Amino acid sequence: MQNLKMMYTSHYAPDLVIKNDDLAQIMDTSDEWITQRTGIKQRHISLKENTSLLATRVAKQLLEKSGWDVESLDIIVVATMSPDAYTPATGAIVQGNIGATNAIAFDISAACSGYIYALSIVESMMKNLNFKRGLIIGSENLSKILDWKDRSTAVLFGDGAGGTLVELSDQEDSKILSSDLKTIGSKSEYLTAGETKTLETFPTNVPHNFKAFQMEGREVIVLQLERYLSRF
């Protein structure tokens, strides 16, 4: 029986470093307060690289490190709670950026546990769909959704990405021994970000800083037809 094996790992963080003393200039906090409670001294912040670009940098590092042909990838999953957009999936953007034309790609959102969920999903899909190689990335650009006046959240987070190339292997010692996944949905109000609500009016006005749903319907249909016909 084939098992999932982690082959290569990599990570990327933006250049800008914000130290605790820097945060003390914009909120009611101090280096001593943050360090004493969290142990955190600094965090990396992205100014121009969105979530998909952070993930793409990791993907390219992994491919260079491994020497794998990008077309050998069968699946790409990005775990994130700060995607570029509702759609397309950040994973799909990464797939396009690196030219992994044979890979299916999508996102999952499970906050801090996202990578572990992604690992479990990829393992299951690779075994069930006879995939050979996969790419799992955890990527966050949390600085774009934080309230930088709120010391209860902003001091804890930064931006960056990390990823793993995985492969099905016959080696017995390569398997994932166990996993313990759990969701406590009854306490979902304890961690929220980017909440949207329906309004009691029609039509509604999209906020000026929010890109409304757009689609080139004809092009989407053509792509679907081309994909279907390529099977024959």
C-alpha atoms as a PDB file:
ATOM      1  CA  MET A   1       0.000   0.000   0.000  1.00  0.00           C
ATOM      2  CA  GLN A   2       1.330   3.422  -0.926  1.00  0.00           C
ATOM      3  CA  ASN A   3       1.633   6.128   1.701  1.00  0.00           C
ATOM      4  CA  LEU A   4       2.134   9.865   1.630  1.00  0.00           C
ATOM      5  CA  LYS A   5       5.714  11.025   2.018  1.00  0.00           C
ATOM      6  CA  MET A   6       6.892  14.600   2.590  1.00  0.00           C
ATOM      7  CA  MET A   7       9.701  15.127   0.116  1.00  0.00           C
ATOM      8  CA  TYR A   8      10.693  18.805   0.300  1.00  0.00           C
ATOM      9  CA  THR A   9       9.783  21.846   2.398  1.00  0.00           C
ATOM     10  CA  SER A  10      10.299  25.568   1.921  1.00  0.00           C
ATOM     11  CA  HIS A  11       9.125  28.910   3.264  1.00  0.00           C
ATOM     12  CA  TYR A  12       9.051  32.591   2.352  1.00  0.00           C
ATOM     13  CA  ALA A  13       8.581  35.812   4.334  1.00  0.00           C
ATOM     14  CA  PRO A  14       8.441  39.401   3.009  1.00  0.00           C
ATOM     15  CA  ASP A  15      11.390  41.715   3.587  1.00  0.00           C
ATOM     16  CA  LEU A  16       9.674  44.318   5.771  1.00  0.00           C
ATOM     17  CA  VAL A  17      10.150  43.567   9.471  1.00  0.00           C
ATOM     18  CA  ILE A  18       7.971  45.307  12.054  1.00  0.00           C
ATOM     19  CA  LYS A  19       9.315  45.128  15.592  1.00  0.00           C
ATOM     20  CA  ASN A  20       7.365  45.489  18.809  1.00  0.00           C
ATOM     21  CA  ASP A  21       8.675  49.003  19.323  1.00  0.00           C
ATOM     22  CA  ASP A  22       7.253  49.919  15.912  1.00  0.00           C
ATOM     23  CA  LEU A  23       3.794  48.740  16.992  1.00  0.00           C
ATOM     24  CA  ALA A  24       4.106  50.785  20.177  1.00  0.00           C
ATOM     25  CA  GLN A  25       4.062  53.893  17.969  1.00  0.00           C
ATOM     26  CA  ILE A  26       0.588  53.096  16.573  1.00  0.00           C
ATOM     27  CA  MET A  27      -1.217  51.306  19.421  1.00  0.00           C
ATOM     28  CA  ASP A  28      -1.310  51.077  23.187  1.00  0.00           C
ATOM     29  CA  THR A  29       1.373  48.448  23.708  1.00  0.00           C
ATOM     30  CA  SER A  30       5.074  47.984  24.347  1.00  0.00           C
ATOM     31  CA  ASP A  31       7.871  45.549  23.598  1.00  0.00           C
ATOM     32  CA  GLU A  32       7.720  44.349  27.209  1.00  0.00           C
ATOM     33  CA  TRP A  33       3.933  43.807  27.093  1.00  0.00           C
ATOM     34  CA  ILE A  34       4.077  41.788  23.848  1.00  0.00           C
ATOM     35  CA  THR A  35       7.186  39.784  24.722  1.00  0.00           C
ATOM     36  CA  GLN A  36       5.944  38.879  28.180  1.00  0.00           C
ATOM     37  CA  ARG A  37       2.633  37.544  26.862  1.00  0.00           C
ATOM     38  CA  THR A  38       3.613  36.034  23.504  1.00  0.00           C
ATOM     39  CA  GLY A  39       7.396  35.789  23.172  1.00  0.00           C
ATOM     40  CA  ILE A  40       7.080  37.587  19.836  1.00  0.00           C
ATOM     41  CA  LYS A  41       9.719  40.216  19.020  1.00  0.00           C
ATOM     42  CA  GLN A  42       8.978  40.979  15.369  1.00  0.00           C
ATOM     43  CA  ARG A  43       6.853  39.973  12.392  1.00  0.00           C
ATOM     44  CA  HIS A  44       7.185  40.161   8.600  1.00  0.00           C
ATOM     45  CA  ILE A  45       4.714  42.361   6.704  1.00  0.00           C
ATOM     46  CA  SER A  46       3.916  42.324   2.989  1.00  0.00           C
ATOM     47  CA  LEU A  47       3.372  45.643   1.226  1.00  0.00           C
ATOM     48  CA  LYS A  48       2.979  44.488  -2.385  1.00  0.00           C
ATOM     49  CA  GLU A  49       2.877  40.678  -2.362  1.00  0.00           C
ATOM     50  CA  ASN A  50      -0.624  39.311  -1.972  1.00  0.00           C
ATOM     51  CA  THR A  51      -1.383  35.843  -0.602  1.00  0.00           C
ATOM     52  CA  SER A  52      -1.093  34.111  -3.966  1.00  0.00           C
ATOM     53  CA  LEU A  53       2.310  35.663  -4.668  1.00  0.00           C
ATOM     54  CA  LEU A  54       3.659  34.581  -1.275  1.00  0.00           C
ATOM     55  CA  ALA A  55       2.442  31.063  -2.063  1.00  0.00           C
ATOM     56  CA  THR A  56       3.845  31.204  -5.593  1.00  0.00           C
ATOM     57  CA  ARG A  57       7.300  32.074  -4.290  1.00  0.00           C
ATOM     58  CA  VAL A  58       7.215  28.982  -2.060  1.00  0.00           C
ATOM     59  CA  ALA A  59       5.994  26.820  -4.926  1.00  0.00           C
ATOM     60  CA  LYS A  60       8.830  27.961  -7.178  1.00  0.00           C
ATOM     61  CA  GLN A  61      11.395  27.398  -4.430  1.00  0.00           C
ATOM     62  CA  LEU A  62      10.118  23.862  -3.931  1.00  0.00           C
ATOM     63  CA  LEU A  63      10.202  23.034  -7.622  1.00  0.00           C
ATOM     64  CA  GLU A  64      13.741  24.374  -7.919  1.00  0.00           C
ATOM     65  CA  LYS A  65      14.849  22.443  -4.848  1.00  0.00           C
ATOM     66  CA  SER A  66      13.268  19.186  -5.991  1.00  0.00           C
ATOM     67  CA  GLY A  67      14.001  19.345  -9.692  1.00  0.00           C
ATOM     68  CA  TRP A  68      10.485  18.058 -10.345  1.00  0.00           C
ATOM     69  CA  ASP A  69       8.823  18.823 -13.665  1.00  0.00           C
ATOM     70  CA  VAL A  70       5.951  21.179 -12.843  1.00  0.00           C
ATOM     71  CA  GLU A  71       3.688  19.132 -15.098  1.00  0.00           C
ATOM     72  CA  SER A  72       4.167  16.139 -12.789  1.00  0.00           C
ATOM     73  CA  LEU A  73       2.098  17.823 -10.094  1.00  0.00           C
ATOM     74  CA  ASP A  74      -1.386  16.329  -9.755  1.00  0.00           C
ATOM     75  CA  ILE A  75      -2.859  18.473  -6.989  1.00  0.00           C
ATOM     76  CA  ILE A  76      -2.247  21.862  -5.356  1.00  0.00           C
ATOM     77  CA  VAL A  77      -3.989  22.911  -2.150  1.00  0.00           C
ATOM     78  CA  VAL A  78      -3.502  26.290  -0.482  1.00  0.00           C
ATOM     79  CA  ALA A  79      -4.632  26.678   3.108  1.00  0.00           C
ATOM     80  CA  THR A  80      -5.476  30.304   3.827  1.00  0.00           C
ATOM     81  CA  MET A  81      -7.941  32.552   5.625  1.00  0.00           C
ATOM     82  CA  SER A  82      -6.697  35.630   3.751  1.00  0.00           C
ATOM     83  CA  PRO A  83      -7.136  34.734   0.068  1.00  0.00           C
ATOM     84  CA  ASP A  84      -6.678  37.190  -2.766  1.00  0.00           C
ATOM     85  CA  ALA A  85     -10.412  36.939  -3.461  1.00  0.00           C
ATOM     86  CA  TYR A  86     -13.483  34.782  -2.900  1.00  0.00           C
ATOM     87  CA  THR A  87     -12.844  33.461  -6.382  1.00  0.00           C
ATOM     88  CA  PRO A  88     -10.651  32.455  -8.115  1.00  0.00           C
ATOM     89  CA  ALA A  89      -9.064  30.236  -5.499  1.00  0.00           C
ATOM     90  CA  THR A  90      -5.592  31.237  -4.409  1.00  0.00           C
ATOM     91  CA  GLY A  91      -4.503  27.706  -5.300  1.00  0.00           C
ATOM     92  CA  ALA A  92      -5.778  28.201  -8.844  1.00  0.00           C
ATOM     93  CA  ILE A  93      -3.777  31.423  -9.151  1.00  0.00           C
ATOM     94  CA  VAL A  94      -0.655  29.584  -7.964  1.00  0.00           C
ATOM     95  CA  GLN A  95      -1.331  26.791 -10.447  1.00  0.00           C
ATOM     96  CA  GLY A  96      -1.460  29.360 -13.251  1.00  0.00           C
ATOM     97  CA  ASN A  97       1.600  31.239 -12.022  1.00  0.00           C
ATOM     98  CA  ILE A  98       3.827  28.167 -12.044  1.00  0.00           C
ATOM     99  CA  GLY A  99       2.281  26.530 -15.129  1.00  0.00           C
ATOM    100  CA  ALA A 100       1.130  23.342 -13.385  1.00  0.00           C
ATOM    101  CA  THR A 101      -1.374  22.611 -16.141  1.00  0.00           C
ATOM    102  CA  ASN A 102      -2.033  19.012 -15.077  1.00  0.00           C
ATOM    103  CA  ALA A 103      -2.809  19.813 -11.438  1.00  0.00           C
ATOM    104  CA  ILE A 104      -6.200  20.395  -9.886  1.00  0.00           C
ATOM    105  CA  ALA A 105      -6.061  23.297  -7.451  1.00  0.00           C
ATOM    106  CA  PHE A 106      -8.225  24.744  -4.713  1.00  0.00           C
ATOM    107  CA  ASP A 107      -8.189  26.398  -1.271  1.00  0.00           C
ATOM    108  CA  ILE A 108      -9.310  25.378   2.163  1.00  0.00           C
ATOM    109  CA  SER A 109     -10.039  27.744   5.047  1.00  0.00           C
ATOM    110  CA  ALA A 110      -9.472  26.390   8.543  1.00  0.00           C
ATOM    111  CA  ALA A 111      -7.481  29.225  10.158  1.00  0.00           C
ATOM    112  CA  CYS A 112      -4.486  28.015  12.211  1.00  0.00           C
ATOM    113  CA  SER A 113      -5.160  24.347  11.494  1.00  0.00           C
ATOM    114  CA  GLY A 114      -5.473  24.869   7.732  1.00  0.00           C
ATOM    115  CA  TYR A 115      -2.248  23.115   6.744  1.00  0.00           C
ATOM    116  CA  ILE A 116      -3.147  19.997   8.751  1.00  0.00           C
ATOM    117  CA  TYR A 117      -6.561  19.818   7.108  1.00  0.00           C
ATOM    118  CA  ALA A 118      -4.923  20.291   3.709  1.00  0.00           C
ATOM    119  CA  LEU A 119      -2.448  17.494   4.401  1.00  0.00           C
ATOM    120  CA  SER A 120      -5.246  15.106   5.307  1.00  0.00           C
ATOM    121  CA  ILE A 121      -7.292  16.067   2.246  1.00  0.00           C
ATOM    122  CA  VAL A 122      -4.357  15.690  -0.125  1.00  0.00           C
ATOM    123  CA  GLU A 123      -3.440  12.298   1.320  1.00  0.00           C
ATOM    124  CA  SER A 124      -6.971  11.027   0.813  1.00  0.00           C
ATOM    125  CA  MET A 125      -7.382  12.436  -2.690  1.00  0.00           C
ATOM    126  CA  MET A 126      -4.013  11.203  -3.886  1.00  0.00           C
ATOM    127  CA  LYS A 127      -4.793   7.672  -2.745  1.00  0.00           C
ATOM    128  CA  ASN A 128      -8.343   7.648  -4.108  1.00  0.00           C
ATOM    129  CA  LEU A 129      -7.604   9.348  -7.434  1.00  0.00           C
ATOM    130  CA  ASN A 130      -4.274   7.659  -8.108  1.00  0.00           C
ATOM    131  CA  PHE A 131      -2.351  10.923  -7.973  1.00  0.00           C
ATOM    132  CA  LYS A 132       1.413  10.707  -7.550  1.00  0.00           C
ATOM    133  CA  ARG A 133       2.611  14.167  -6.554  1.00  0.00           C
ATOM    134  CA  GLY A 134       1.106  17.064  -4.654  1.00  0.00           C
ATOM    135  CA  LEU A 135       1.874  20.553  -3.395  1.00  0.00           C
ATOM    136  CA  ILE A 136       0.521  21.841  -0.080  1.00  0.00           C
ATOM    137  CA  ILE A 137       1.011  25.476   0.928  1.00  0.00           C
ATOM    138  CA  GLY A 138      -0.070  27.493   3.923  1.00  0.00           C
ATOM    139  CA  SER A 139      -0.081  31.168   2.950  1.00  0.00           C
ATOM    140  CA  GLU A 140      -1.356  34.200   4.824  1.00  0.00           C
ATOM    141  CA  ASN A 141      -1.382  37.929   4.229  1.00  0.00           C
ATOM    142  CA  LEU A 142      -3.067  38.788   7.502  1.00  0.00           C
ATOM    143  CA  SER A 143      -1.745  42.343   7.643  1.00  0.00           C
ATOM    144  CA  LYS A 144      -4.371  43.375   5.100  1.00  0.00           C
ATOM    145  CA  ILE A 145      -7.265  42.281   7.346  1.00  0.00           C
ATOM    146  CA  LEU A 146      -5.981  43.271  10.797  1.00  0.00           C
ATOM    147  CA  ASP A 147      -7.058  46.239  12.873  1.00  0.00           C
ATOM    148  CA  TRP A 148      -3.684  47.800  13.658  1.00  0.00           C
ATOM    149  CA  LYS A 149      -5.127  49.575  16.676  1.00  0.00           C
ATOM    150  CA  ASP A 150      -6.207  46.303  18.308  1.00  0.00           C
ATOM    151  CA  ARG A 151      -3.358  44.937  20.401  1.00  0.00           C
ATOM    152  CA  SER A 152      -5.280  41.742  21.196  1.00  0.00           C
ATOM    153  CA  THR A 153      -4.868  40.579  17.576  1.00  0.00           C
ATOM    154  CA  ALA A 154      -2.421  42.716  15.606  1.00  0.00           C
ATOM    155  CA  VAL A 155       0.609  41.912  17.756  1.00  0.00           C
ATOM    156  CA  LEU A 156       0.197  38.188  17.093  1.00  0.00           C
ATOM    157  CA  PHE A 157       0.287  37.937  13.322  1.00  0.00           C
ATOM    158  CA  GLY A 158       2.384  38.637  10.260  1.00  0.00           C
ATOM    159  CA  ASP A 159       2.620  37.567   6.612  1.00  0.00           C
ATOM    160  CA  GLY A 160       4.364  34.636   4.975  1.00  0.00           C
ATOM    161  CA  ALA A 161       4.012  31.194   3.445  1.00  0.00           C
ATOM    162  CA  GLY A 162       5.368  27.687   3.862  1.00  0.00           C
ATOM    163  CA  GLY A 163       4.876  24.598   1.782  1.00  0.00           C
ATOM    164  CA  THR A 164       5.595  20.960   1.166  1.00  0.00           C
ATOM    165  CA  LEU A 165       5.960  18.738  -1.858  1.00  0.00           C
ATOM    166  CA  VAL A 166       4.478  15.307  -1.186  1.00  0.00           C
ATOM    167  CA  GLU A 167       4.587  12.056  -3.082  1.00  0.00           C
ATOM    168  CA  LEU A 168       3.043   8.618  -2.777  1.00  0.00           C
ATOM    169  CA  SER A 169       5.674   6.141  -1.625  1.00  0.00           C
ATOM    170  CA  ASP A 170       5.955   2.400  -1.040  1.00  0.00           C
ATOM    171  CA  GLN A 171       8.123   2.995   2.020  1.00  0.00           C
ATOM    172  CA  GLU A 172       6.365   1.823   5.153  1.00  0.00           C
ATOM    173  CA  ASP A 173       8.026   4.449   7.360  1.00  0.00           C
ATOM    174  CA  SER A 174       6.755   7.351   5.235  1.00  0.00           C
ATOM    175  CA  LYS A 175       3.108   7.163   6.241  1.00  0.00           C
ATOM    176  CA  ILE A 176       1.158   9.607   8.377  1.00  0.00           C
ATOM    177  CA  LEU A 177       0.663   7.679  11.605  1.00  0.00           C
ATOM    178  CA  SER A 178      -2.561   9.390  12.678  1.00  0.00           C
ATOM    179  CA  SER A 179      -4.560  12.586  12.590  1.00  0.00           C
ATOM    180  CA  ASP A 180      -7.065  14.113  14.999  1.00  0.00           C
ATOM    181  CA  LEU A 181      -9.261  16.724  13.364  1.00  0.00           C
ATOM    182  CA  LYS A 182     -11.970  18.533  15.288  1.00  0.00           C
ATOM    183  CA  THR A 183     -14.239  21.533  14.760  1.00  0.00           C
ATOM    184  CA  ILE A 184     -16.025  23.485  17.485  1.00  0.00           C
ATOM    185  CA  GLY A 185     -18.496  25.413  15.382  1.00  0.00           C
ATOM    186  CA  SER A 186     -20.569  26.449  18.381  1.00  0.00           C
ATOM    187  CA  LYS A 187     -17.742  28.832  19.327  1.00  0.00           C
ATOM    188  CA  SER A 188     -17.203  30.237  15.843  1.00  0.00           C
ATOM    189  CA  GLU A 189     -17.691  33.820  17.044  1.00  0.00           C
ATOM    190  CA  TYR A 190     -14.377  33.597  18.902  1.00  0.00           C
ATOM    191  CA  LEU A 191     -12.356  33.972  15.698  1.00  0.00           C
ATOM    192  CA  THR A 192     -13.772  36.005  12.829  1.00  0.00           C
ATOM    193  CA  ALA A 193     -12.432  37.982   9.870  1.00  0.00           C
ATOM    194  CA  GLY A 194     -13.884  39.404   6.681  1.00  0.00           C
ATOM    195  CA  GLU A 195     -17.502  38.858   7.672  1.00  0.00           C
ATOM    196  CA  THR A 196     -20.103  39.791   5.058  1.00  0.00           C
ATOM    197  CA  LYS A 197     -23.807  40.207   5.667  1.00  0.00           C
ATOM    198  CA  THR A 198     -26.952  40.392   3.580  1.00  0.00           C
ATOM    199  CA  LEU A 199     -28.689  43.771   3.505  1.00  0.00           C
ATOM    200  CA  GLU A 200     -32.398  44.491   3.760  1.00  0.00           C
ATOM    201  CA  THR A 201     -32.465  46.366   0.487  1.00  0.00           C
ATOM    202  CA  PHE A 202     -32.386  45.488  -3.217  1.00  0.00           C
ATOM    203  CA  PRO A 203     -30.343  46.140  -5.198  1.00  0.00           C
ATOM    204  CA  THR A 204     -27.432  46.473  -2.811  1.00  0.00           C
ATOM    205  CA  ASN A 205     -24.405  48.679  -3.335  1.00  0.00           C
ATOM    206  CA  VAL A 206     -21.011  46.999  -3.332  1.00  0.00           C
ATOM    207  CA  PRO A 207     -18.532  48.834  -1.049  1.00  0.00           C
ATOM    208  CA  HIS A 208     -16.025  50.928  -2.985  1.00  0.00           C
ATOM    209  CA  ASN A 209     -13.074  48.829  -1.769  1.00  0.00           C
ATOM    210  CA  PHE A 210     -14.715  45.498  -2.617  1.00  0.00           C
ATOM    211  CA  LYS A 211     -14.539  44.056  -6.133  1.00  0.00           C
ATOM    212  CA  ALA A 212     -17.959  42.813  -7.191  1.00  0.00           C
ATOM    213  CA  PHE A 213     -18.536  39.449  -8.843  1.00  0.00           C
ATOM    214  CA  GLN A 214     -17.408  39.502 -12.467  1.00  0.00           C
ATOM    215  CA  MET A 215     -17.283  36.747 -15.060  1.00  0.00           C
ATOM    216  CA  GLU A 216     -16.504  36.327 -18.731  1.00  0.00           C
ATOM    217  CA  GLY A 217     -19.227  33.715 -19.206  1.00  0.00           C
ATOM    218  CA  ARG A 218     -18.423  32.838 -22.809  1.00  0.00           C
ATOM    219  CA  GLU A 219     -14.739  32.294 -21.995  1.00  0.00           C
ATOM    220  CA  VAL A 220     -15.599  30.069 -19.023  1.00  0.00           C
ATOM    221  CA  ILE A 221     -17.807  27.866 -21.216  1.00  0.00           C
ATOM    222  CA  VAL A 222     -15.126  27.647 -23.907  1.00  0.00           C
ATOM    223  CA  LEU A 223     -12.532  26.557 -21.342  1.00  0.00           C
ATOM    224  CA  GLN A 224     -14.875  23.882 -20.025  1.00  0.00           C
ATOM    225  CA  LEU A 225     -15.549  22.579 -23.531  1.00  0.00           C
ATOM    226  CA  GLU A 226     -11.861  22.538 -24.405  1.00  0.00           C
ATOM    227  CA  ARG A 227     -11.101  20.591 -21.235  1.00  0.00           C
ATOM    228  CA  TYR A 228     -13.844  18.088 -22.008  1.00  0.00           C
ATOM    229  CA  LEU A 229     -12.851  17.597 -25.644  1.00  0.00           C
ATOM    230  CA  SER A 230      -9.199  17.113 -24.717  1.00  0.00           C
ATOM    231  CA  ARG A 231     -10.154  13.753 -23.235  1.00  0.00           C
ATOM    232  CA  PHE A 232     -10.958  12.302 -26.658  1.00  0.00           C
END
